[in-house]
Amino acid sequence: MDLSKRNRRALFGLVFILLFIAVLPRVVNALYTSEVPRVSFTKLKEAHKELVAIKKEKKKSKKRNSTSKFKKLTQKLDPNEFLLDDWMRMGLSKKQADIVLNFSVRGLKSNDDLKKIFVFPEKLFDLIKDSLVYPVEKDYQLSKDRSEEKPILKLVVEINSATQVDLEKIPGIGPYFANKIIEYRIKLGGFVSKNQLLEIWKFDTEKLSSIDKYIILDDSFISKINVNSISFDDLKDHPYFSYKVANSIVKMREVSGSYENVNEIGKSMLINDELLDKLTPYISIK
């Protein structure tokens, strides 16, 4: 049967639509294809190793942090001289430091005494044990009737000429205080009174009382300041001459000429009798 021209067109149109419908899904899939990820066993193994390494590093970091709060000592010191703040700076809590201080009041004679304190961390002990020094115990000998023991005081130290080694031999004076005594002695020009040791940071009356029998003073070692020639900058560096006092002494010298008597510096409005008595041992006019 012959199809009319109109029917042929309709048939061709229908075939075209059917072909379009059949081809369209394939075209769409081709345009929007997403690749299925492929998992490499080698890469998976490497990722697992990295994860394990990260976990190990975290554990090491925690371990480091647990010990980093404890601080080493930079020099040899006597733990009997430590204050609450000193122990806390090394990593102890306030409660731990209080307990350690209670024990140190009785006197720590060795590392064994320190280690016996139940709250003292072993890690801190290992850090500082080689930097601790302790007072030398007194030697004793029996009296003739052997009924009692008497201490023999083996040393007396002249603190205006003593070296650090000499000072460290005094019971209760470790490297810290020996160094501080020498530093302050240099700044002063020497000690004229044992009580001047109390002007040293952390040096208290109890410590002075405990070492008093071991020390003497020789004022011939005093270095005096010539107020007629010393500069303002050098004078103000002395512990007893403040900026204003040093300035007034130099200004009076510039205006009135050289001092003829040590007591003439007392003409300064800034120097009262008490301060003059304190300064006099350290000044001269020639």
Protein backbone atom coordinates (compact mmCIF):
# COMPACT_ATOMS: atom_id res chain seq x y z
CA MET A 1 0.00 0.00 0.00
CA ASP A 2 1.36 3.36 -1.03
CA LEU A 3 1.63 5.92 1.74
CA SER A 4 0.73 9.42 1.09
CA LYS A 5 3.30 12.09 1.39
CA ARG A 6 1.72 13.27 4.64
CA ASN A 7 1.76 9.78 6.14
CA ARG A 8 5.40 9.29 5.23
CA ARG A 9 6.29 12.48 7.03
CA ALA A 10 4.40 11.36 10.10
CA LEU A 11 6.13 7.97 10.01
CA PHE A 12 9.59 9.57 9.70
CA GLY A 13 8.74 11.87 12.59
CA LEU A 14 7.69 8.95 14.77
CA VAL A 15 10.89 7.02 13.97
CA PHE A 16 12.98 10.11 14.75
CA ILE A 17 11.28 10.55 18.13
CA LEU A 18 11.79 6.90 19.03
CA LEU A 19 15.48 7.09 18.09
CA PHE A 20 15.88 10.30 20.09
CA ILE A 21 14.28 8.69 23.15
CA ALA A 22 16.56 5.63 22.82
CA VAL A 23 19.77 7.64 22.38
CA LEU A 24 19.10 10.43 24.93
CA PRO A 25 19.96 8.42 28.13
CA ARG A 26 23.29 7.36 26.69
CA VAL A 27 24.18 10.90 25.76
CA VAL A 28 23.28 12.12 29.25
CA ASN A 29 25.34 9.35 30.91
CA ALA A 30 28.28 10.19 28.67
CA LEU A 31 28.12 13.86 29.66
CA TYR A 32 27.70 13.34 33.47
CA THR A 33 29.71 10.22 34.15
CA SER A 34 31.29 10.12 37.66
CA GLU A 35 34.16 7.80 38.06
CA VAL A 36 33.89 5.20 40.77
CA PRO A 37 36.83 5.84 43.19
CA ARG A 38 39.41 3.15 43.20
CA VAL A 39 41.04 2.33 46.54
CA SER A 40 44.74 1.52 46.32
CA PHE A 41 45.87 -1.00 48.92
CA THR A 42 49.34 0.58 48.97
CA LYS A 43 47.91 4.05 49.67
CA LEU A 44 45.64 2.62 52.35
CA LYS A 45 48.63 1.02 54.05
CA GLU A 46 50.59 4.28 53.92
CA ALA A 47 47.65 6.17 55.44
CA HIS A 48 47.48 3.64 58.26
CA LYS A 49 51.21 4.12 58.97
CA GLU A 50 50.74 7.90 59.11
CA LEU A 51 47.86 7.51 61.56
CA VAL A 52 49.94 5.27 63.82
CA ALA A 53 52.84 7.76 63.69
CA ILE A 54 50.53 10.64 64.66
CA LYS A 55 49.23 8.68 67.66
CA LYS A 56 52.79 7.91 68.79
CA GLU A 57 53.77 11.57 68.50
CA LYS A 58 50.78 12.60 70.60
CA LYS A 59 51.84 10.15 73.33
CA LYS A 60 55.40 11.50 73.28
CA SER A 61 54.07 15.06 73.44
CA LYS A 62 51.96 14.21 76.50
CA LYS A 63 54.99 12.64 78.17
CA ARG A 64 57.12 15.70 77.44
CA ASN A 65 54.43 18.01 78.78
CA SER A 66 54.19 15.98 81.99
CA THR A 67 57.88 16.62 82.77
CA SER A 68 58.30 20.09 81.22
CA LYS A 69 56.64 21.77 84.21
CA PHE A 70 59.65 20.80 86.34
CA LYS A 71 62.66 23.10 86.09
CA LYS A 72 66.36 22.30 86.48
CA LEU A 73 68.65 24.35 88.72
CA THR A 74 71.26 26.46 86.95
CA GLN A 75 73.72 26.35 89.84
CA LYS A 76 74.43 24.36 92.99
CA LEU A 77 72.14 25.45 95.85
CA ASP A 78 71.23 24.41 99.38
CA PRO A 79 67.56 23.27 99.49
CA ASN A 80 67.38 24.38 103.13
CA GLU A 81 67.54 27.98 101.83
CA PHE A 82 64.62 27.65 99.39
CA LEU A 83 61.45 29.64 100.02
CA LEU A 84 57.91 28.76 98.96
CA ASP A 85 58.25 30.63 95.65
CA ASP A 86 61.53 28.86 94.87
CA TRP A 87 59.92 25.40 95.13
CA MET A 88 56.88 26.52 93.13
CA ARG A 89 59.09 27.92 90.35
CA MET A 90 60.64 24.46 90.03
CA GLY A 91 57.19 22.97 89.42
CA LEU A 92 55.71 22.07 92.81
CA SER A 93 52.15 23.01 93.67
CA LYS A 94 51.62 25.32 96.63
CA LYS A 95 50.44 22.40 98.75
CA GLN A 96 53.51 20.32 97.84
CA ALA A 97 55.83 23.27 98.49
CA ASP A 98 54.28 23.86 101.93
CA ILE A 99 54.89 20.24 102.91
CA VAL A 100 58.50 20.33 101.67
CA LEU A 101 59.11 23.54 103.68
CA ASN A 102 57.73 21.89 106.81
CA PHE A 103 60.29 19.11 106.42
CA SER A 104 63.15 21.50 105.58
CA VAL A 105 62.56 23.39 108.84
CA ARG A 106 63.95 20.32 110.62
CA GLY A 107 66.96 20.46 108.31
CA LEU A 108 67.67 18.53 105.12
CA LYS A 109 71.07 16.87 105.39
CA SER A 110 71.19 14.89 102.14
CA ASN A 111 69.31 13.92 99.01
CA ASP A 112 67.95 10.94 100.92
CA ASP A 113 66.10 13.29 103.30
CA LEU A 114 64.56 15.10 100.35
CA LYS A 115 63.59 11.88 98.62
CA LYS A 116 61.79 10.66 101.74
CA ILE A 117 59.27 13.51 101.53
CA PHE A 118 56.24 11.64 100.25
CA VAL A 119 54.89 14.46 98.04
CA PHE A 120 58.18 15.18 96.29
CA PRO A 121 57.93 14.15 92.58
CA GLU A 122 60.53 11.65 91.48
CA LYS A 123 60.92 13.40 88.12
CA LEU A 124 61.82 16.70 89.80
CA PHE A 125 64.19 14.91 92.18
CA ASP A 126 66.03 13.35 89.22
CA LEU A 127 66.33 16.80 87.60
CA ILE A 128 67.82 18.65 90.58
CA LYS A 129 69.58 16.01 92.74
CA ASP A 130 73.02 16.71 91.24
CA SER A 131 72.64 20.47 91.82
CA LEU A 132 71.89 20.27 95.54
CA VAL A 133 74.43 20.89 98.28
CA TYR A 134 73.94 20.53 102.01
CA PRO A 135 75.53 22.10 105.12
CA VAL A 136 78.58 20.34 106.48
CA GLU A 137 77.77 18.76 109.82
CA LYS A 138 79.80 19.78 112.86
CA ASP A 139 82.57 17.51 114.06
CA TYR A 140 82.30 16.29 117.65
CA GLN A 141 84.79 14.94 120.14
CA LEU A 142 84.26 13.41 123.53
CA SER A 143 85.25 15.43 126.56
CA LYS A 144 87.79 13.98 128.98
CA ASP A 145 85.19 12.23 131.11
CA ARG A 146 83.41 11.04 127.90
CA SER A 147 80.11 11.95 129.51
CA GLU A 148 79.13 14.51 126.86
CA GLU A 149 79.95 15.61 123.35
CA LYS A 150 81.17 19.12 122.56
CA PRO A 151 81.13 20.66 119.10
CA ILE A 152 84.45 21.84 117.71
CA LEU A 153 84.05 25.01 115.65
CA LYS A 154 86.75 24.53 113.07
CA LEU A 155 86.47 27.78 111.14
CA VAL A 156 86.04 31.50 111.46
CA VAL A 157 85.69 33.45 108.23
CA GLU A 158 86.58 37.12 107.74
CA ILE A 159 83.84 38.13 105.33
CA ASN A 160 85.54 41.23 103.88
CA SER A 161 88.35 39.15 102.40
CA ALA A 162 86.74 35.71 102.06
CA THR A 163 86.46 33.98 98.70
CA GLN A 164 83.29 32.22 97.61
CA VAL A 165 84.92 28.90 98.55
CA ASP A 166 85.64 30.24 102.05
CA LEU A 167 82.06 31.44 102.51
CA GLU A 168 80.59 28.14 101.33
CA LYS A 169 82.36 26.40 104.21
CA ILE A 170 80.11 28.24 106.67
CA PRO A 171 77.19 25.96 107.69
CA GLY A 172 74.01 27.30 106.14
CA ILE A 173 75.78 29.33 103.43
CA GLY A 174 75.56 27.65 100.05
CA PRO A 175 76.72 28.91 96.63
CA TYR A 176 73.72 31.25 96.30
CA PHE A 177 74.35 33.24 99.48
CA ALA A 178 78.13 33.08 99.10
CA ASN A 179 77.79 34.70 95.69
CA LYS A 180 75.29 37.30 96.96
CA ILE A 181 77.53 38.24 99.92
CA ILE A 182 80.48 38.88 97.60
CA GLU A 183 78.34 40.84 95.12
CA TYR A 184 76.99 43.12 97.85
CA ARG A 185 80.42 43.47 99.48
CA ILE A 186 81.82 44.79 96.20
CA LYS A 187 78.97 47.28 95.79
CA LEU A 188 79.36 48.56 99.36
CA GLY A 189 83.13 48.56 99.47
CA GLY A 190 83.08 46.11 102.36
CA PHE A 191 81.02 45.41 105.48
CA VAL A 192 81.35 47.50 108.63
CA SER A 193 78.65 45.58 110.49
CA LYS A 194 77.37 42.00 110.39
CA ASN A 195 73.84 43.43 110.30
CA GLN A 196 74.50 44.67 106.76
CA LEU A 197 74.11 41.06 105.64
CA LEU A 198 70.37 41.52 106.33
CA GLU A 199 70.28 43.94 103.39
CA ILE A 200 70.91 40.99 101.06
CA TRP A 201 67.79 39.56 99.42
CA LYS A 202 66.36 36.59 101.39
CA PHE A 203 69.00 36.88 104.12
CA ASP A 204 67.06 37.00 107.40
CA THR A 205 67.82 37.40 111.09
CA GLU A 206 67.55 33.65 111.67
CA LYS A 207 70.29 32.94 109.14
CA LEU A 208 72.47 35.73 110.55
CA SER A 209 72.07 34.31 114.04
CA SER A 210 73.03 30.82 112.85
CA ILE A 211 76.29 31.98 111.19
CA ASP A 212 77.28 34.75 113.63
CA LYS A 213 79.78 32.55 115.49
CA TYR A 214 81.52 31.65 112.23
CA ILE A 215 82.20 35.16 110.91
CA ILE A 216 84.30 38.19 111.85
CA LEU A 217 84.87 41.64 110.28
CA ASP A 218 88.09 43.49 109.54
CA ASP A 219 87.33 47.10 108.57
CA SER A 220 90.84 47.59 107.17
CA PHE A 221 89.51 45.99 103.99
CA ILE A 222 86.92 48.77 103.49
CA SER A 223 87.24 50.62 100.16
CA LYS A 224 86.44 54.30 100.70
CA ILE A 225 85.04 56.83 98.25
CA ASN A 226 86.85 60.13 97.71
CA VAL A 227 83.95 62.61 97.60
CA ASN A 228 86.28 65.31 96.23
CA SER A 229 87.05 63.42 93.05
CA ILE A 230 84.37 60.80 92.42
CA SER A 231 81.98 61.40 89.53
CA PHE A 232 78.22 61.61 89.92
CA ASP A 233 77.70 58.41 87.86
CA ASP A 234 80.05 56.39 90.06
CA LEU A 235 78.69 57.83 93.31
CA LYS A 236 75.03 57.04 92.53
CA ASP A 237 75.92 53.37 91.92
CA HIS A 238 76.75 52.88 95.62
CA PRO A 239 73.83 51.23 97.49
CA TYR A 240 73.74 54.01 100.14
CA PHE A 241 73.88 57.01 97.77
CA SER A 242 70.59 57.58 95.99
CA TYR A 243 70.40 59.57 92.76
CA LYS A 244 69.35 62.75 94.58
CA VAL A 245 71.89 62.41 97.40
CA ALA A 246 74.75 61.76 94.96
CA ASN A 247 73.67 64.76 92.87
CA SER A 248 73.52 67.06 95.91
CA ILE A 249 77.04 66.06 97.07
CA VAL A 250 78.54 66.70 93.62
CA LYS A 251 76.66 70.01 93.18
CA MET A 252 77.79 71.32 96.58
CA ARG A 253 81.38 70.42 95.64
CA GLU A 254 81.07 72.31 92.36
CA VAL A 255 79.66 75.39 94.11
CA SER A 256 81.76 75.53 97.30
CA GLY A 257 84.91 73.68 96.27
CA SER A 258 86.46 70.55 97.75
CA TYR A 259 85.25 69.20 101.06
CA GLU A 260 87.65 69.74 103.95
CA ASN A 261 85.82 67.46 106.35
CA VAL A 262 83.79 64.31 105.85
CA ASN A 263 80.95 65.73 107.91
CA GLU A 264 80.51 68.64 105.48
CA ILE A 265 78.35 66.47 103.22
CA GLY A 266 75.81 66.63 106.05
CA LYS A 267 75.06 70.21 104.93
CA SER A 268 72.93 68.69 102.19
CA MET A 269 69.22 68.98 102.98
CA LEU A 270 68.84 65.39 101.83
CA ILE A 271 71.28 63.93 104.37
CA ASN A 272 70.07 63.56 107.97
CA ASP A 273 72.17 62.40 110.93
CA GLU A 274 71.13 58.77 110.50
CA LEU A 275 72.14 58.69 106.83
CA LEU A 276 75.37 60.56 107.57
CA ASP A 277 76.36 57.90 110.12
CA LYS A 278 75.61 55.26 107.52
CA LEU A 279 77.70 56.97 104.80
CA THR A 280 80.68 58.11 106.91
CA PRO A 281 82.53 54.74 106.99
CA TYR A 282 82.58 54.71 103.20
CA ILE A 283 83.78 58.23 102.37
CA SER A 284 87.02 60.14 102.53
CA ILE A 285 88.19 63.58 101.36
CA LYS A 286 91.52 62.46 99.90
